[in-house]
Amino acid sequence: MKKYAHVQDVVSRLTDNKTFRTFFTLYLMAETKEERQMLNERFWRDANTLPPAEMQLLKAEFTRCFLRLPEMAADLLGQISAKAV
């Protein structure tokens, strides 16, 4: 249960997009590398069936998610450093 709560916290800070929240939650909760690979392949295979305009919006949100990662990593590092002192 603790892992799920942590994953939900990370995902909710990462994006407001329902599609990506669902995908990232499933991805981060996957038990194996194979499961994550299968989820990723299925996600992008389904995404490729979207109309071009929707696909462009999806890719833009995906980019925004990754642009948030450095800030989130810095925040995490700050939390770890504060606990180490």
C-alpha atoms as a PDB file:
ATOM      1  CA  MET A   1       0.000   0.000   0.000  1.00  0.00           C
ATOM      2  CA  LYS A   2       2.882   2.358   0.775  1.00  0.00           C
ATOM      3  CA  LYS A   3       4.329   1.843  -2.720  1.00  0.00           C
ATOM      4  CA  TYR A   4       0.969   2.665  -4.320  1.00  0.00           C
ATOM      5  CA  ALA A   5       0.636   5.878  -2.273  1.00  0.00           C
ATOM      6  CA  HIS A   6       4.171   6.925  -3.242  1.00  0.00           C
ATOM      7  CA  VAL A   7       3.527   6.182  -6.928  1.00  0.00           C
ATOM      8  CA  GLN A   8       0.287   8.184  -6.825  1.00  0.00           C
ATOM      9  CA  ASP A   9       2.130  11.117  -5.265  1.00  0.00           C
ATOM     10  CA  VAL A  10       4.811  11.077  -7.962  1.00  0.00           C
ATOM     11  CA  VAL A  11       2.345  10.657 -10.810  1.00  0.00           C
ATOM     12  CA  SER A  12       0.028  13.406  -9.559  1.00  0.00           C
ATOM     13  CA  ARG A  13       2.995  15.813  -9.405  1.00  0.00           C
ATOM     14  CA  LEU A  14       4.097  14.752 -12.865  1.00  0.00           C
ATOM     15  CA  THR A  15       0.881  15.307 -14.843  1.00  0.00           C
ATOM     16  CA  ASP A  16      -2.807  16.202 -14.689  1.00  0.00           C
ATOM     17  CA  ASN A  17      -3.504  14.214 -17.863  1.00  0.00           C
ATOM     18  CA  LYS A  18      -5.728  11.209 -17.068  1.00  0.00           C
ATOM     19  CA  THR A  19      -4.205   9.066 -19.787  1.00  0.00           C
ATOM     20  CA  PHE A  20      -0.656   9.595 -18.593  1.00  0.00           C
ATOM     21  CA  ARG A  21      -1.627   9.295 -14.924  1.00  0.00           C
ATOM     22  CA  THR A  22      -3.060   5.872 -15.661  1.00  0.00           C
ATOM     23  CA  PHE A  23      -0.124   4.820 -17.819  1.00  0.00           C
ATOM     24  CA  PHE A  24       2.561   6.018 -15.386  1.00  0.00           C
ATOM     25  CA  THR A  25       0.778   4.397 -12.432  1.00  0.00           C
ATOM     26  CA  LEU A  26       0.566   1.055 -14.221  1.00  0.00           C
ATOM     27  CA  TYR A  27       4.144   1.398 -15.452  1.00  0.00           C
ATOM     28  CA  LEU A  28       5.595   2.224 -12.039  1.00  0.00           C
ATOM     29  CA  MET A  29       3.566  -0.500 -10.316  1.00  0.00           C
ATOM     30  CA  ALA A  30       4.666  -3.172 -12.811  1.00  0.00           C
ATOM     31  CA  GLU A  31       6.694  -5.918 -11.160  1.00  0.00           C
ATOM     32  CA  THR A  32       9.081  -6.733 -13.987  1.00  0.00           C
ATOM     33  CA  LYS A  33      10.984  -5.117 -16.816  1.00  0.00           C
ATOM     34  CA  GLU A  34       8.996  -7.271 -19.236  1.00  0.00           C
ATOM     35  CA  GLU A  35       5.698  -5.965 -17.857  1.00  0.00           C
ATOM     36  CA  ARG A  36       6.888  -2.374 -18.233  1.00  0.00           C
ATOM     37  CA  GLN A  37       8.061  -3.040 -21.776  1.00  0.00           C
ATOM     38  CA  MET A  38       4.717  -4.629 -22.678  1.00  0.00           C
ATOM     39  CA  LEU A  39       2.789  -1.670 -21.195  1.00  0.00           C
ATOM     40  CA  ASN A  40       4.969   0.814 -23.068  1.00  0.00           C
ATOM     41  CA  GLU A  41       4.590  -1.010 -26.379  1.00  0.00           C
ATOM     42  CA  ARG A  42       0.826  -1.338 -25.956  1.00  0.00           C
ATOM     43  CA  PHE A  43       0.465   2.334 -24.983  1.00  0.00           C
ATOM     44  CA  TRP A  44       2.314   3.637 -28.034  1.00  0.00           C
ATOM     45  CA  ARG A  45       0.652   1.112 -30.367  1.00  0.00           C
ATOM     46  CA  ASP A  46      -2.747   2.387 -29.183  1.00  0.00           C
ATOM     47  CA  ALA A  47      -1.555   5.990 -29.361  1.00  0.00           C
ATOM     48  CA  ASN A  48      -0.571   5.505 -33.002  1.00  0.00           C
ATOM     49  CA  THR A  49      -4.243   4.897 -33.841  1.00  0.00           C
ATOM     50  CA  LEU A  50      -5.217   8.403 -32.693  1.00  0.00           C
ATOM     51  CA  PRO A  51      -5.995  11.149 -35.193  1.00  0.00           C
ATOM     52  CA  PRO A  52      -2.921  13.301 -35.916  1.00  0.00           C
ATOM     53  CA  ALA A  53      -4.130  16.265 -33.837  1.00  0.00           C
ATOM     54  CA  GLU A  54      -4.749  14.083 -30.775  1.00  0.00           C
ATOM     55  CA  MET A  55      -1.407  12.352 -31.239  1.00  0.00           C
ATOM     56  CA  GLN A  56       0.319  15.736 -31.353  1.00  0.00           C
ATOM     57  CA  LEU A  57      -1.361  16.732 -28.065  1.00  0.00           C
ATOM     58  CA  LEU A  58      -0.361  13.409 -26.497  1.00  0.00           C
ATOM     59  CA  LYS A  59       3.263  13.851 -27.547  1.00  0.00           C
ATOM     60  CA  ALA A  60       3.273  17.424 -26.241  1.00  0.00           C
ATOM     61  CA  GLU A  61       2.043  16.263 -22.838  1.00  0.00           C
ATOM     62  CA  PHE A  62       4.623  13.464 -22.835  1.00  0.00           C
ATOM     63  CA  THR A  63       7.332  16.081 -23.436  1.00  0.00           C
ATOM     64  CA  ARG A  64       5.965  18.270 -20.623  1.00  0.00           C
ATOM     65  CA  CYS A  65       6.112  15.273 -18.265  1.00  0.00           C
ATOM     66  CA  PHE A  66       9.770  14.687 -19.023  1.00  0.00           C
ATOM     67  CA  LEU A  67      10.578  18.386 -18.669  1.00  0.00           C
ATOM     68  CA  ARG A  68       9.210  18.206 -15.104  1.00  0.00           C
ATOM     69  CA  LEU A  69      11.541  15.352 -14.134  1.00  0.00           C
ATOM     70  CA  PRO A  70      14.706  17.393 -13.414  1.00  0.00           C
ATOM     71  CA  GLU A  71      12.804  19.624 -10.986  1.00  0.00           C
ATOM     72  CA  MET A  72      11.247  16.600  -9.295  1.00  0.00           C
ATOM     73  CA  ALA A  73      14.644  14.897  -9.040  1.00  0.00           C
ATOM     74  CA  ALA A  74      16.173  18.016  -7.484  1.00  0.00           C
ATOM     75  CA  ASP A  75      13.320  18.147  -4.977  1.00  0.00           C
ATOM     76  CA  LEU A  76      13.847  14.501  -4.084  1.00  0.00           C
ATOM     77  CA  LEU A  77      17.572  15.065  -3.651  1.00  0.00           C
ATOM     78  CA  GLY A  78      16.814  17.996  -1.354  1.00  0.00           C
ATOM     79  CA  GLN A  79      14.486  15.830   0.742  1.00  0.00           C
ATOM     80  CA  ILE A  80      17.123  13.103   1.017  1.00  0.00           C
ATOM     81  CA  SER A  81      19.827  15.606   1.947  1.00  0.00           C
ATOM     82  CA  ALA A  82      17.609  17.168   4.626  1.00  0.00           C
ATOM     83  CA  LYS A  83      16.965  13.750   6.204  1.00  0.00           C
ATOM     84  CA  ALA A  84      20.657  12.839   6.142  1.00  0.00           C
ATOM     85  CA  VAL A  85      21.608  15.834   8.285  1.00  0.00           C
END
